[in-house]
């Protein structure tokens, strides 16, 4: 099973439909188009190019929860023929999804409380060629810092317990 931040390919399996959606978003970034979810149910999802109706783009990918192992999501259809080069993408990009953006940022850089939005924006532009509004990046950066903050607080609790134990000796 690939990690959530690998572009999707045929015959892949994923731990969840959300992981599959992240892989589709990353594939779309790499291939310079914007996917949309044509159909999405609790056990399967279909993604197509946002220009499918206007230009007849043939890109289509479908994944479903495996009937024998519900912890596995399988790619069942993958038509790679993206033919919409040069079409203007919609204003809202699929990679602006908050959860995906947090994972994308964590995969390409380490963030602490000193990291600025401008640094995150520059890194995303350099590595993935994407540009986002500052407020979107700020929310994702704060989510990453918040998750690191919880880990730091847990570490501080261990240090405090260790110091207490040392003082008892």
N, C-alpha and C. Protein backbone atom coordinates (compact mmCIF):
# COMPACT_ATOMS: atom_id res chain seq x y z
N UNK A 1 0.84 -1.18 0.00
CA UNK A 1 0.00 0.00 0.00
C UNK A 1 0.88 1.24 0.00
N UNK A 2 0.72 2.14 -0.98
CA UNK A 2 1.51 3.36 -0.96
C UNK A 2 1.06 4.29 0.16
N UNK A 3 1.94 5.20 0.52
CA UNK A 3 1.55 6.18 1.53
C UNK A 3 0.56 7.14 0.90
N UNK A 4 -0.10 7.94 1.73
CA UNK A 4 -1.13 8.87 1.24
C UNK A 4 -0.55 9.93 0.31
N UNK A 5 0.77 10.15 0.37
CA UNK A 5 1.34 11.20 -0.46
C UNK A 5 2.18 10.65 -1.61
N UNK A 6 1.69 9.61 -2.23
CA UNK A 6 2.24 9.09 -3.48
C UNK A 6 1.17 9.31 -4.55
N UNK A 7 1.55 9.76 -5.74
CA UNK A 7 0.53 9.90 -6.78
C UNK A 7 -0.12 8.55 -7.07
N UNK A 8 -1.37 8.57 -7.39
CA UNK A 8 -2.12 7.35 -7.65
C UNK A 8 -1.63 6.67 -8.93
N UNK A 9 -1.71 5.36 -8.94
CA UNK A 9 -1.42 4.60 -10.16
C UNK A 9 -2.36 3.40 -10.20
N UNK A 10 -2.43 2.75 -11.35
CA UNK A 10 -3.37 1.63 -11.49
C UNK A 10 -2.96 0.49 -10.56
N UNK A 11 -3.92 -0.25 -10.11
CA UNK A 11 -3.75 -1.42 -9.23
C UNK A 11 -3.25 -1.07 -7.83
N UNK A 12 -3.25 0.21 -7.45
CA UNK A 12 -2.86 0.59 -6.09
C UNK A 12 -3.94 0.20 -5.10
N UNK A 13 -3.54 0.06 -3.85
CA UNK A 13 -4.49 -0.13 -2.75
C UNK A 13 -4.18 0.93 -1.70
N UNK A 14 -5.22 1.31 -0.95
CA UNK A 14 -5.09 2.36 0.06
C UNK A 14 -5.79 1.92 1.33
N UNK A 15 -5.46 2.57 2.43
CA UNK A 15 -6.05 2.24 3.72
C UNK A 15 -7.45 2.84 3.87
N UNK A 16 -7.75 3.88 3.10
CA UNK A 16 -9.06 4.53 3.21
C UNK A 16 -9.37 5.28 1.92
N UNK A 17 -10.63 5.64 1.76
CA UNK A 17 -11.01 6.45 0.60
C UNK A 17 -10.35 7.83 0.67
N UNK A 18 -10.15 8.34 1.87
CA UNK A 18 -9.49 9.64 2.03
C UNK A 18 -8.04 9.57 1.54
N UNK A 19 -7.33 8.47 1.85
CA UNK A 19 -5.96 8.30 1.34
C UNK A 19 -5.96 8.25 -0.19
N UNK A 20 -6.94 7.57 -0.76
CA UNK A 20 -7.08 7.52 -2.21
C UNK A 20 -7.28 8.92 -2.78
N UNK A 21 -8.15 9.71 -2.17
CA UNK A 21 -8.41 11.07 -2.64
C UNK A 21 -7.14 11.92 -2.57
N UNK A 22 -6.36 11.75 -1.52
CA UNK A 22 -5.09 12.48 -1.41
C UNK A 22 -4.16 12.10 -2.57
N UNK A 23 -4.10 10.82 -2.89
CA UNK A 23 -3.24 10.36 -3.99
C UNK A 23 -3.72 10.92 -5.33
N UNK A 24 -5.03 11.00 -5.53
CA UNK A 24 -5.57 11.59 -6.76
C UNK A 24 -5.20 13.07 -6.83
N UNK A 25 -5.31 13.78 -5.72
CA UNK A 25 -4.96 15.20 -5.70
C UNK A 25 -3.48 15.39 -6.06
N UNK A 26 -2.61 14.55 -5.51
CA UNK A 26 -1.19 14.67 -5.80
C UNK A 26 -0.91 14.33 -7.28
N UNK A 27 -1.58 13.32 -7.80
CA UNK A 27 -1.46 12.99 -9.23
C UNK A 27 -1.87 14.19 -10.08
N UNK A 28 -2.95 14.84 -9.69
CA UNK A 28 -3.44 16.01 -10.44
C UNK A 28 -2.44 17.16 -10.39
N UNK A 29 -1.81 17.37 -9.24
CA UNK A 29 -0.79 18.41 -9.13
C UNK A 29 0.35 18.10 -10.10
N UNK A 30 0.81 16.86 -10.08
CA UNK A 30 1.93 16.45 -10.94
C UNK A 30 1.59 16.57 -12.42
N UNK A 31 0.31 16.41 -12.77
CA UNK A 31 -0.10 16.45 -14.17
C UNK A 31 -0.83 17.74 -14.55
N UNK A 32 -0.80 18.71 -13.65
CA UNK A 32 -1.30 20.06 -13.91
C UNK A 32 -2.77 20.14 -14.32
N UNK A 33 -3.62 19.52 -13.53
CA UNK A 33 -5.06 19.69 -13.75
C UNK A 33 -5.77 19.59 -12.41
N UNK A 34 -7.05 19.86 -12.42
CA UNK A 34 -7.84 19.87 -11.19
C UNK A 34 -8.89 18.76 -11.26
N UNK A 35 -8.84 17.79 -10.36
CA UNK A 35 -9.85 16.73 -10.37
C UNK A 35 -11.12 17.19 -9.65
N UNK A 36 -12.18 16.52 -9.93
CA UNK A 36 -13.43 16.74 -9.21
C UNK A 36 -14.02 15.38 -8.92
N UNK A 37 -14.83 15.30 -7.88
CA UNK A 37 -15.41 14.01 -7.47
C UNK A 37 -16.77 13.89 -8.13
N UNK A 38 -16.80 13.10 -9.21
CA UNK A 38 -18.03 12.92 -9.97
C UNK A 38 -19.07 12.19 -9.13
N UNK A 39 -18.63 11.17 -8.41
CA UNK A 39 -19.51 10.42 -7.51
C UNK A 39 -18.70 10.03 -6.29
N UNK A 40 -19.33 10.08 -5.13
CA UNK A 40 -18.64 9.70 -3.91
C UNK A 40 -19.64 9.09 -2.94
N UNK A 41 -19.43 7.86 -2.62
CA UNK A 41 -20.29 7.13 -1.69
C UNK A 41 -19.44 6.64 -0.53
N UNK A 42 -20.05 5.95 0.40
CA UNK A 42 -19.30 5.48 1.56
C UNK A 42 -18.35 4.33 1.22
N UNK A 43 -18.59 3.63 0.10
CA UNK A 43 -17.74 2.49 -0.25
C UNK A 43 -17.01 2.65 -1.58
N UNK A 44 -17.24 3.73 -2.31
CA UNK A 44 -16.53 3.94 -3.57
C UNK A 44 -16.56 5.41 -3.95
N UNK A 45 -15.64 5.78 -4.84
CA UNK A 45 -15.53 7.16 -5.30
C UNK A 45 -15.02 7.18 -6.74
N UNK A 46 -15.49 8.15 -7.51
CA UNK A 46 -15.04 8.33 -8.90
C UNK A 46 -14.56 9.77 -9.05
N UNK A 47 -13.34 9.93 -9.56
CA UNK A 47 -12.79 11.25 -9.84
C UNK A 47 -12.64 11.42 -11.34
N UNK A 48 -12.92 12.63 -11.81
CA UNK A 48 -12.76 12.98 -13.23
C UNK A 48 -12.10 14.36 -13.30
N UNK A 49 -11.70 14.74 -14.49
CA UNK A 49 -11.17 16.09 -14.71
C UNK A 49 -12.32 17.08 -14.59
N UNK A 50 -12.05 18.26 -14.05
CA UNK A 50 -13.11 19.25 -13.91
C UNK A 50 -13.66 19.72 -15.25
N UNK A 51 -12.92 19.50 -16.34
CA UNK A 51 -13.36 19.92 -17.67
C UNK A 51 -14.00 18.79 -18.47
N UNK A 52 -14.38 17.72 -17.80
CA UNK A 52 -14.93 16.55 -18.51
C UNK A 52 -16.12 16.93 -19.39
N UNK A 53 -17.07 17.66 -18.83
CA UNK A 53 -18.29 18.00 -19.59
C UNK A 53 -18.00 18.99 -20.71
N UNK A 54 -17.14 19.96 -20.44
CA UNK A 54 -16.87 21.00 -21.43
C UNK A 54 -16.00 20.52 -22.59
N UNK A 55 -15.03 19.66 -22.30
CA UNK A 55 -14.08 19.29 -23.35
C UNK A 55 -14.05 17.80 -23.67
N UNK A 56 -14.77 17.01 -22.90
CA UNK A 56 -14.76 15.57 -23.14
C UNK A 56 -13.50 14.89 -22.65
N UNK A 57 -12.80 15.49 -21.71
CA UNK A 57 -11.57 14.89 -21.18
C UNK A 57 -11.88 13.48 -20.68
N UNK A 58 -11.01 12.55 -21.02
CA UNK A 58 -11.29 11.14 -20.70
C UNK A 58 -10.69 10.68 -19.38
N UNK A 59 -10.01 11.57 -18.63
CA UNK A 59 -9.45 11.15 -17.34
C UNK A 59 -10.57 10.69 -16.41
N UNK A 60 -10.39 9.50 -15.85
CA UNK A 60 -11.38 8.95 -14.91
C UNK A 60 -10.66 7.93 -14.04
N UNK A 61 -10.93 7.98 -12.76
CA UNK A 61 -10.37 6.99 -11.84
C UNK A 61 -11.43 6.63 -10.82
N UNK A 62 -11.51 5.34 -10.52
CA UNK A 62 -12.50 4.85 -9.57
C UNK A 62 -11.80 3.93 -8.58
N UNK A 63 -12.21 4.03 -7.33
CA UNK A 63 -11.71 3.13 -6.29
C UNK A 63 -12.88 2.70 -5.43
N UNK A 64 -12.76 1.51 -4.85
CA UNK A 64 -13.83 0.98 -4.01
C UNK A 64 -13.24 0.22 -2.83
N UNK A 65 -14.03 0.11 -1.78
CA UNK A 65 -13.63 -0.68 -0.61
C UNK A 65 -13.72 -2.15 -1.01
N UNK A 66 -12.67 -2.90 -0.73
CA UNK A 66 -12.63 -4.32 -1.08
C UNK A 66 -13.70 -5.07 -0.31
N UNK A 67 -14.43 -5.94 -1.00
CA UNK A 67 -15.52 -6.69 -0.35
C UNK A 67 -14.98 -7.71 0.65
N UNK A 68 -13.81 -8.27 0.38
CA UNK A 68 -13.25 -9.29 1.27
C UNK A 68 -12.47 -8.70 2.44
N UNK A 69 -11.91 -7.53 2.25
CA UNK A 69 -11.12 -6.88 3.29
C UNK A 69 -11.50 -5.40 3.33
N UNK A 70 -12.37 -5.03 4.23
CA UNK A 70 -12.90 -3.66 4.27
C UNK A 70 -11.87 -2.62 4.72
N UNK A 71 -10.67 -3.07 5.10
CA UNK A 71 -9.59 -2.14 5.45
C UNK A 71 -8.75 -1.77 4.23
N UNK A 72 -9.16 -2.24 3.05
CA UNK A 72 -8.41 -1.99 1.82
C UNK A 72 -9.31 -1.32 0.79
N UNK A 73 -8.80 -0.26 0.19
CA UNK A 73 -9.49 0.43 -0.91
C UNK A 73 -8.67 0.17 -2.17
N UNK A 74 -9.31 -0.35 -3.21
CA UNK A 74 -8.62 -0.73 -4.45
C UNK A 74 -8.99 0.20 -5.60
N UNK A 75 -7.99 0.54 -6.40
CA UNK A 75 -8.23 1.28 -7.64
C UNK A 75 -8.76 0.26 -8.64
N UNK A 76 -9.96 0.50 -9.17
CA UNK A 76 -10.55 -0.46 -10.10
C UNK A 76 -10.60 0.04 -11.54
N UNK A 77 -10.60 1.35 -11.73
CA UNK A 77 -10.60 1.93 -13.07
C UNK A 77 -9.63 3.10 -13.08
N UNK A 78 -8.77 3.15 -14.08
CA UNK A 78 -7.84 4.28 -14.17
C UNK A 78 -7.60 4.60 -15.65
N UNK A 79 -8.33 5.59 -16.15
CA UNK A 79 -8.16 6.07 -17.52
C UNK A 79 -7.34 7.35 -17.45
N UNK A 80 -6.07 7.25 -17.80
CA UNK A 80 -5.14 8.36 -17.62
C UNK A 80 -5.22 9.45 -18.68
N UNK A 81 -6.03 9.31 -19.68
CA UNK A 81 -6.02 10.22 -20.82
C UNK A 81 -6.45 11.64 -20.53
N UNK A 82 -5.69 12.38 -19.75
CA UNK A 82 -6.02 13.78 -19.48
C UNK A 82 -5.68 14.61 -20.71
N UNK A 83 -6.69 15.25 -21.30
CA UNK A 83 -6.51 15.95 -22.58
C UNK A 83 -6.89 17.42 -22.51
N UNK A 84 -6.84 18.02 -21.35
CA UNK A 84 -7.33 19.39 -21.19
C UNK A 84 -6.22 20.41 -21.02
N UNK A 85 -5.04 20.15 -21.51
CA UNK A 85 -3.94 21.09 -21.34
C UNK A 85 -4.34 22.46 -21.88
N UNK A 86 -4.05 23.48 -21.12
CA UNK A 86 -4.34 24.84 -21.55
C UNK A 86 -5.70 25.38 -21.12
N UNK A 87 -6.57 24.53 -20.61
CA UNK A 87 -7.87 24.99 -20.13
C UNK A 87 -7.67 25.72 -18.80
N UNK A 88 -8.41 26.76 -18.60
CA UNK A 88 -8.31 27.51 -17.34
C UNK A 88 -8.92 26.68 -16.21
N UNK A 89 -8.16 26.44 -15.15
CA UNK A 89 -8.71 25.68 -14.03
C UNK A 89 -9.68 26.53 -13.21
N UNK A 90 -10.49 25.87 -12.41
CA UNK A 90 -11.43 26.58 -11.55
C UNK A 90 -10.66 27.33 -10.47
N UNK A 91 -11.34 28.24 -9.80
CA UNK A 91 -10.70 29.04 -8.77
C UNK A 91 -10.28 28.18 -7.57
N UNK A 92 -11.13 27.27 -7.16
CA UNK A 92 -10.82 26.41 -6.00
C UNK A 92 -10.11 25.16 -6.48
N UNK A 93 -8.91 24.97 -6.06
CA UNK A 93 -8.11 23.83 -6.45
C UNK A 93 -8.35 22.66 -5.50
N UNK A 94 -8.25 21.46 -6.02
CA UNK A 94 -8.43 20.27 -5.19
C UNK A 94 -7.35 20.17 -4.12
N UNK A 95 -6.15 20.69 -4.41
CA UNK A 95 -5.08 20.61 -3.42
C UNK A 95 -5.27 21.60 -2.27
N UNK A 96 -6.28 22.46 -2.35
CA UNK A 96 -6.56 23.39 -1.26
C UNK A 96 -7.36 22.73 -0.13
N UNK A 97 -7.74 21.47 -0.30
CA UNK A 97 -8.42 20.73 0.76
C UNK A 97 -7.53 20.75 2.00
N UNK A 98 -8.08 21.15 3.14
CA UNK A 98 -7.30 21.38 4.35
C UNK A 98 -6.50 20.15 4.78
N UNK A 99 -7.16 19.01 4.89
CA UNK A 99 -6.46 17.80 5.34
C UNK A 99 -5.32 17.41 4.41
N UNK A 100 -5.57 17.50 3.11
CA UNK A 100 -4.53 17.17 2.14
C UNK A 100 -3.39 18.17 2.22
N UNK A 101 -3.71 19.43 2.36
CA UNK A 101 -2.68 20.46 2.42
C UNK A 101 -1.78 20.28 3.64
N UNK A 102 -2.35 19.92 4.77
CA UNK A 102 -1.55 19.66 5.97
C UNK A 102 -0.56 18.52 5.69
N UNK A 103 -1.03 17.42 5.10
CA UNK A 103 -0.14 16.30 4.77
C UNK A 103 0.92 16.72 3.75
N UNK A 104 0.53 17.51 2.78
CA UNK A 104 1.47 17.96 1.76
C UNK A 104 2.58 18.81 2.37
N UNK A 105 2.22 19.71 3.26
CA UNK A 105 3.21 20.55 3.94
C UNK A 105 4.14 19.70 4.79
N UNK A 106 3.56 18.77 5.56
CA UNK A 106 4.38 17.92 6.42
C UNK A 106 5.33 17.04 5.61
N UNK A 107 4.95 16.69 4.39
CA UNK A 107 5.80 15.83 3.58
C UNK A 107 6.98 16.56 2.96
N UNK A 108 6.91 17.89 2.88
CA UNK A 108 7.99 18.60 2.19
C UNK A 108 8.81 19.52 3.08
N UNK A 109 8.43 19.69 4.34
CA UNK A 109 9.22 20.55 5.21
C UNK A 109 8.88 20.34 6.68
N UNK A 110 9.84 20.70 7.53
CA UNK A 110 9.61 20.69 8.97
C UNK A 110 9.13 22.08 9.37
N UNK A 111 8.13 22.10 10.23
CA UNK A 111 7.55 23.38 10.64
C UNK A 111 7.59 23.49 12.16
N UNK A 112 7.96 24.68 12.63
CA UNK A 112 7.83 24.99 14.05
C UNK A 112 7.20 26.37 14.17
N UNK A 113 7.13 26.89 15.39
CA UNK A 113 6.45 28.17 15.59
C UNK A 113 7.17 29.34 14.91
N UNK A 114 8.42 29.17 14.51
CA UNK A 114 9.17 30.23 13.84
C UNK A 114 8.96 30.23 12.33
N UNK A 115 8.39 29.18 11.78
CA UNK A 115 8.17 29.09 10.34
C UNK A 115 7.07 30.06 9.93
N UNK A 116 7.33 30.84 8.90
CA UNK A 116 6.35 31.83 8.44
C UNK A 116 5.51 31.26 7.30
N UNK A 117 4.37 31.92 7.08
CA UNK A 117 3.52 31.53 5.95
C UNK A 117 4.28 31.68 4.64
N UNK A 118 5.09 32.73 4.53
CA UNK A 118 5.86 32.97 3.30
C UNK A 118 6.83 31.82 3.02
N UNK A 119 7.43 31.27 4.07
CA UNK A 119 8.34 30.14 3.88
C UNK A 119 7.58 28.91 3.38
N UNK A 120 6.40 28.68 3.94
CA UNK A 120 5.59 27.54 3.51
C UNK A 120 5.15 27.74 2.07
N UNK A 121 4.68 28.95 1.74
CA UNK A 121 4.27 29.25 0.36
C UNK A 121 5.42 29.02 -0.62
N UNK A 122 6.61 29.48 -0.26
CA UNK A 122 7.78 29.33 -1.14
C UNK A 122 8.13 27.85 -1.34
N UNK A 123 8.04 27.08 -0.28
CA UNK A 123 8.37 25.65 -0.37
C UNK A 123 7.35 24.91 -1.24
N UNK A 124 6.07 25.21 -1.07
CA UNK A 124 5.03 24.57 -1.89
C UNK A 124 5.20 24.96 -3.36
N UNK A 125 5.57 26.20 -3.61
CA UNK A 125 5.79 26.66 -4.99
C UNK A 125 7.00 25.95 -5.60
N UNK A 126 8.07 25.83 -4.82
CA UNK A 126 9.30 25.23 -5.33
C UNK A 126 9.13 23.73 -5.58
N UNK A 127 8.55 23.02 -4.64
CA UNK A 127 8.47 21.55 -4.75
C UNK A 127 7.31 21.09 -5.62
N UNK A 128 6.14 21.70 -5.44
CA UNK A 128 4.95 21.21 -6.14
C UNK A 128 4.42 22.17 -7.20
N UNK A 129 4.99 23.37 -7.29
CA UNK A 129 4.56 24.32 -8.30
C UNK A 129 3.16 24.87 -8.06
N UNK A 130 2.75 24.92 -6.80
CA UNK A 130 1.40 25.42 -6.50
C UNK A 130 1.47 26.72 -5.72
N UNK A 131 0.48 27.56 -5.93
CA UNK A 131 0.36 28.83 -5.23
C UNK A 131 -1.01 28.86 -4.57
N UNK A 132 -1.02 29.20 -3.31
CA UNK A 132 -2.26 29.23 -2.53
C UNK A 132 -2.42 30.58 -1.85
N UNK A 133 -3.65 30.94 -1.47
CA UNK A 133 -3.85 32.15 -0.68
C UNK A 133 -3.17 32.01 0.69
N UNK A 134 -2.67 33.12 1.20
CA UNK A 134 -1.95 33.08 2.47
C UNK A 134 -2.83 32.57 3.60
N UNK A 135 -4.12 32.95 3.63
CA UNK A 135 -4.97 32.50 4.74
C UNK A 135 -5.16 30.98 4.72
N UNK A 136 -5.17 30.36 3.54
CA UNK A 136 -5.28 28.91 3.45
C UNK A 136 -4.02 28.25 4.01
N UNK A 137 -2.87 28.79 3.63
CA UNK A 137 -1.60 28.25 4.13
C UNK A 137 -1.48 28.48 5.63
N UNK A 138 -1.94 29.64 6.10
CA UNK A 138 -1.87 29.94 7.53
C UNK A 138 -2.67 28.93 8.35
N UNK A 139 -3.86 28.58 7.89
CA UNK A 139 -4.68 27.60 8.61
C UNK A 139 -3.99 26.24 8.64
N UNK A 140 -3.43 25.84 7.52
CA UNK A 140 -2.74 24.55 7.46
C UNK A 140 -1.48 24.57 8.33
N UNK A 141 -0.73 25.66 8.28
CA UNK A 141 0.48 25.79 9.10
C UNK A 141 0.13 25.71 10.58
N UNK A 142 -0.93 26.40 10.98
CA UNK A 142 -1.36 26.35 12.37
C UNK A 142 -1.81 24.95 12.78
N UNK A 143 -2.42 24.22 11.86
CA UNK A 143 -2.81 22.84 12.16
C UNK A 143 -1.58 21.96 12.38
N UNK A 144 -0.54 22.18 11.57
CA UNK A 144 0.70 21.41 11.74
C UNK A 144 1.36 21.77 13.06
N UNK A 145 1.45 23.05 13.36
CA UNK A 145 2.06 23.49 14.62
C UNK A 145 1.27 22.95 15.80
N UNK A 146 -0.05 22.95 15.69
CA UNK A 146 -0.88 22.41 16.76
C UNK A 146 -0.60 20.95 17.01
N UNK A 147 -0.40 20.17 15.94
CA UNK A 147 -0.12 18.75 16.13
C UNK A 147 1.26 18.56 16.74
N UNK A 148 2.22 19.42 16.37
CA UNK A 148 3.55 19.35 16.97
C UNK A 148 3.49 19.79 18.43
N UNK A 149 2.62 20.74 18.73
CA UNK A 149 2.48 21.24 20.10
C UNK A 149 2.00 20.13 21.03
N UNK A 150 1.07 19.32 20.58
CA UNK A 150 0.58 18.21 21.40
C UNK A 150 1.71 17.22 21.69
N UNK A 151 2.54 16.94 20.69
CA UNK A 151 3.67 16.03 20.89
C UNK A 151 4.68 16.63 21.86
N UNK A 152 4.91 17.94 21.77
CA UNK A 152 5.83 18.60 22.69
C UNK A 152 5.31 18.56 24.12
N UNK A 153 4.01 18.78 24.29
CA UNK A 153 3.43 18.73 25.64
C UNK A 153 3.58 17.35 26.25
N UNK A 154 3.40 16.31 25.43
CA UNK A 154 3.58 14.94 25.92
C UNK A 154 5.04 14.71 26.34
N UNK A 155 5.96 15.23 25.56
CA UNK A 155 7.38 15.10 25.88
C UNK A 155 7.71 15.84 27.18
N UNK A 156 7.13 17.02 27.37
CA UNK A 156 7.35 17.77 28.61
C UNK A 156 6.83 17.00 29.83
N UNK A 157 5.71 16.31 29.66
CA UNK A 157 5.18 15.51 30.77
C UNK A 157 6.17 14.42 31.17
N UNK A 158 6.81 13.79 30.18
CA UNK A 158 7.82 12.78 30.47
C UNK A 158 9.02 13.39 31.19
N UNK A 159 9.43 14.56 30.75
CA UNK A 159 10.57 15.23 31.39
C UNK A 159 10.24 15.59 32.83
N UNK A 160 9.03 16.12 33.05
CA UNK A 160 8.62 16.46 34.42
C UNK A 160 8.58 15.22 35.30
N UNK A 161 8.08 14.12 34.78
CA UNK A 161 8.04 12.87 35.56
C UNK A 161 9.45 12.39 35.86
N UNK A 162 10.35 12.53 34.89
CA UNK A 162 11.73 12.12 35.08
C UNK A 162 12.41 12.99 36.14
N UNK A 163 12.16 14.31 36.11
CA UNK A 163 12.74 15.21 37.11
C UNK A 163 12.20 14.92 38.50
N UNK A 164 10.91 14.63 38.59
CA UNK A 164 10.31 14.27 39.87
C UNK A 164 10.96 13.01 40.42
N UNK A 165 11.16 12.06 39.57
CA UNK A 165 11.77 10.79 39.99
C UNK A 165 13.22 11.01 40.44
N UNK A 166 13.95 11.88 39.74
CA UNK A 166 15.33 12.19 40.14
C UNK A 166 15.38 12.87 41.50
N UNK A 167 14.44 13.75 41.76
CA UNK A 167 14.45 14.46 43.03
C UNK A 167 14.12 13.54 44.20
N UNK A 168 13.43 12.43 43.91
CA UNK A 168 13.10 11.46 44.96
C UNK A 168 14.29 10.59 45.32
N UNK A 169 15.25 10.50 44.45
CA UNK A 169 16.41 9.63 44.68
C UNK A 169 17.39 10.26 45.62
